[in-house]
Amino acid sequence: MDTEVYLAIIMIFMIIAALTAIHARDLLSAVIAQGAIGYGLVLCFLLLKAPDLAIVQIVAETITIIIMVAVLHDSTRFEIRCPFCRRDVVNYSAAIVLAGVLLYFFVDAIAVLQPFGEHTLRMSEAYVYRAIEEVGVTNFVKGVLWDFRALDTMGEAAVLFTTAMGVLAILRLKGKKI
């Protein structure tokens, strides 16, 4: 099958998981459905040949699920609902407005994109044509990662390290009496 077909199937799965997360009465089920959305995004990144984004997404999604399950473990699993609350009307109205705004910007952004599968060298052209002479290395990948993208790579590593330390701190506090 074609990559676009696989992406469509995964996105339909992600939409179903999102609807499940919204309507789940059990909060643990909602967290699991939210995790399915994140791991579906990992599959999309892999199909689009972006393994670096897939790695970051899988780490971030796993850490998010750990934090959410830890919070649910200390609280109640079930959502306390009233038969009819004014808060529900406000929440649904805000969701509809937000969906409309996002749809507008999505349609606007799609209009300026190139067709799916066409390559653009707008940003990577400088890397491809000037990397060896500006950096002075023979290994092209090393030159791009360690010179042109060094701060980006260091920033990603710092975010992952900080997130991991936060999860460890939350899990350690959980065992202590406050």
Protein backbone atom coordinates (compact mmCIF):
# COMPACT_ATOMS: atom_id res chain seq x y z
CA MET A 1 0.00 0.00 0.00
CA ASP A 2 0.96 3.61 -0.44
CA THR A 3 2.30 5.76 2.42
CA GLU A 4 -0.68 8.09 2.16
CA VAL A 5 -3.07 5.18 2.75
CA TYR A 6 -1.18 4.11 5.86
CA LEU A 7 -1.16 7.71 7.11
CA ALA A 8 -4.92 7.99 6.52
CA ILE A 9 -5.56 4.76 8.44
CA ILE A 10 -3.38 5.89 11.35
CA MET A 11 -5.02 9.33 11.44
CA ILE A 12 -8.49 7.76 11.52
CA PHE A 13 -7.27 5.61 14.43
CA MET A 14 -5.96 8.76 16.16
CA ILE A 15 -9.31 10.54 15.68
CA ILE A 16 -11.16 7.56 17.16
CA ALA A 17 -8.73 7.54 20.11
CA ALA A 18 -9.28 11.28 20.62
CA LEU A 19 -13.06 10.81 20.70
CA THR A 20 -12.60 7.92 23.12
CA ALA A 21 -10.45 10.10 25.38
CA ILE A 22 -13.04 12.86 25.36
CA HIS A 23 -16.01 10.63 26.19
CA ALA A 24 -14.36 8.15 28.59
CA ARG A 25 -15.89 8.10 32.07
CA ASP A 26 -12.84 6.35 33.49
CA LEU A 27 -9.89 8.76 33.52
CA LEU A 28 -7.36 5.94 33.15
CA SER A 29 -9.08 4.93 29.92
CA ALA A 30 -8.81 8.53 28.75
CA VAL A 31 -5.07 8.56 29.52
CA ILE A 32 -4.60 5.32 27.58
CA ALA A 33 -6.52 6.73 24.62
CA GLN A 34 -4.41 9.89 24.78
CA GLY A 35 -1.31 7.69 24.69
CA ALA A 36 -2.65 5.94 21.60
CA ILE A 37 -2.85 9.34 19.89
CA GLY A 38 0.79 10.09 20.72
CA TYR A 39 2.04 6.69 19.61
CA GLY A 40 0.01 7.04 16.40
CA LEU A 41 1.92 10.26 15.79
CA VAL A 42 5.15 8.28 16.26
CA LEU A 43 4.03 5.93 13.48
CA CYS A 44 3.23 8.91 11.25
CA PHE A 45 6.71 10.33 11.81
CA LEU A 46 8.27 6.97 10.97
CA LEU A 47 6.21 6.66 7.78
CA LEU A 48 7.27 10.16 6.78
CA LYS A 49 10.92 9.16 7.33
CA ALA A 50 11.50 11.43 10.32
CA PRO A 51 13.03 9.06 12.91
CA ASP A 52 14.47 11.93 14.99
CA LEU A 53 11.00 13.35 15.56
CA ALA A 54 9.68 9.85 16.26
CA ILE A 55 12.29 9.30 18.97
CA VAL A 56 11.52 12.61 20.67
CA GLN A 57 7.77 11.95 20.42
CA ILE A 58 8.03 8.45 21.88
CA VAL A 59 10.10 9.69 24.82
CA ALA A 60 7.81 12.67 25.47
CA GLU A 61 4.67 10.53 25.15
CA THR A 62 5.97 7.85 27.49
CA ILE A 63 6.97 10.43 30.10
CA THR A 64 3.58 12.15 29.78
CA ILE A 65 1.74 8.88 30.32
CA ILE A 66 3.90 8.07 33.36
CA ILE A 67 3.11 11.46 34.90
CA MET A 68 -0.62 11.17 34.17
CA VAL A 69 -0.86 7.65 35.61
CA ALA A 70 1.07 8.78 38.71
CA VAL A 71 -1.36 11.66 39.20
CA LEU A 72 -4.35 9.34 38.72
CA HIS A 73 -2.88 6.91 41.22
CA ASP A 74 -2.93 9.64 43.89
CA SER A 75 -6.40 10.88 42.98
CA THR A 76 -9.66 9.35 41.84
CA ARG A 77 -9.99 7.45 38.59
CA PHE A 78 -13.49 8.58 37.82
CA GLU A 79 -14.60 12.03 36.81
CA ILE A 80 -17.16 13.64 39.08
CA ARG A 81 -19.93 15.02 36.90
CA CYS A 82 -23.11 16.92 37.57
CA PRO A 83 -26.22 16.23 35.43
CA PHE A 84 -26.07 19.62 33.74
CA CYS A 85 -23.49 22.27 34.47
CA ARG A 86 -23.02 25.67 32.95
CA ARG A 87 -19.34 24.79 32.80
CA ASP A 88 -20.15 22.12 30.18
CA VAL A 89 -21.80 24.71 27.94
CA VAL A 90 -18.76 26.97 28.24
CA ASN A 91 -16.38 24.06 27.56
CA TYR A 92 -18.28 22.88 24.47
CA SER A 93 -18.56 26.43 23.15
CA ALA A 94 -14.83 27.03 23.64
CA ALA A 95 -14.05 23.72 21.92
CA ILE A 96 -16.19 24.61 18.91
CA VAL A 97 -14.60 28.07 18.60
CA LEU A 98 -11.11 26.60 18.97
CA ALA A 99 -11.85 23.92 16.35
CA GLY A 100 -13.09 26.60 13.94
CA VAL A 101 -9.99 28.75 14.44
CA LEU A 102 -7.68 25.75 14.01
CA LEU A 103 -9.55 24.65 10.88
CA TYR A 104 -9.22 28.13 9.41
CA PHE A 105 -5.46 28.24 9.99
CA PHE A 106 -5.07 24.65 8.79
CA VAL A 107 -6.78 25.46 5.47
CA ASP A 108 -4.70 28.63 5.17
CA ALA A 109 -1.45 26.73 5.84
CA ILE A 110 -2.30 23.91 3.41
CA ALA A 111 -2.77 26.40 0.59
CA VAL A 112 0.90 27.43 0.62
CA LEU A 113 2.39 23.93 0.89
CA GLN A 114 3.84 22.05 -2.04
CA PRO A 115 2.04 18.87 -3.12
CA PHE A 116 2.76 15.81 -0.98
CA GLY A 117 5.98 14.10 -2.03
CA GLU A 118 7.63 17.04 -3.76
CA HIS A 119 10.94 18.01 -2.23
CA THR A 120 11.87 21.54 -1.38
CA LEU A 121 15.41 22.62 -0.60
CA ARG A 122 14.43 25.98 0.85
CA MET A 123 16.17 25.41 4.20
CA SER A 124 18.42 22.45 3.44
CA GLU A 125 20.03 24.03 0.38
CA ALA A 126 22.53 25.89 2.57
CA TYR A 127 23.42 22.66 4.37
CA VAL A 128 23.86 20.68 1.18
CA TYR A 129 25.94 23.13 -0.79
CA ARG A 130 27.98 24.91 1.91
CA ALA A 131 28.50 22.33 4.68
CA ILE A 132 31.84 20.88 3.65
CA GLU A 133 33.53 24.18 2.80
CA GLU A 134 32.20 26.14 5.79
CA VAL A 135 32.64 23.46 8.43
CA GLY A 136 35.78 21.85 7.03
CA VAL A 137 34.83 18.23 7.67
CA THR A 138 34.58 15.35 5.25
CA ASN A 139 31.62 13.72 6.99
CA PHE A 140 28.58 15.67 5.82
CA VAL A 141 26.20 14.42 8.55
CA LYS A 142 28.67 15.24 11.31
CA GLY A 143 29.17 18.72 9.90
CA VAL A 144 25.45 19.45 9.83
CA LEU A 145 24.71 18.02 13.28
CA TRP A 146 27.67 19.44 15.16
CA ASP A 147 28.05 22.81 13.50
CA PHE A 148 24.86 24.01 11.86
CA ARG A 149 22.47 22.28 14.26
CA ALA A 150 24.61 22.08 17.39
CA LEU A 151 22.45 24.39 19.49
CA ASP A 152 19.28 22.66 18.33
CA THR A 153 20.68 19.24 19.22
CA MET A 154 21.89 20.52 22.60
CA GLY A 155 18.47 22.06 23.27
CA GLU A 156 16.67 18.82 22.49
CA ALA A 157 19.02 16.90 24.79
CA ALA A 158 18.45 19.47 27.57
CA VAL A 159 14.67 19.21 27.23
CA LEU A 160 14.75 15.41 27.38
CA PHE A 161 17.12 15.46 30.38
CA THR A 162 14.99 18.01 32.25
CA THR A 163 11.82 16.04 31.55
CA ALA A 164 13.40 12.80 32.77
CA MET A 165 14.57 14.51 35.96
CA GLY A 166 11.07 15.91 36.51
CA VAL A 167 9.50 12.48 36.18
CA LEU A 168 12.02 11.00 38.61
CA ALA A 169 11.34 13.81 41.09
CA ILE A 170 7.57 13.26 40.86
CA LEU A 171 7.90 9.51 41.31
CA ARG A 172 10.26 9.95 44.30
CA LEU A 173 7.91 12.46 46.00
CA LYS A 174 5.06 10.03 45.57
CA GLY A 175 6.58 7.61 48.08
CA LYS A 176 7.23 10.28 50.73
CA LYS A 177 4.60 11.59 53.13
CA ILE A 178 4.18 15.35 52.85
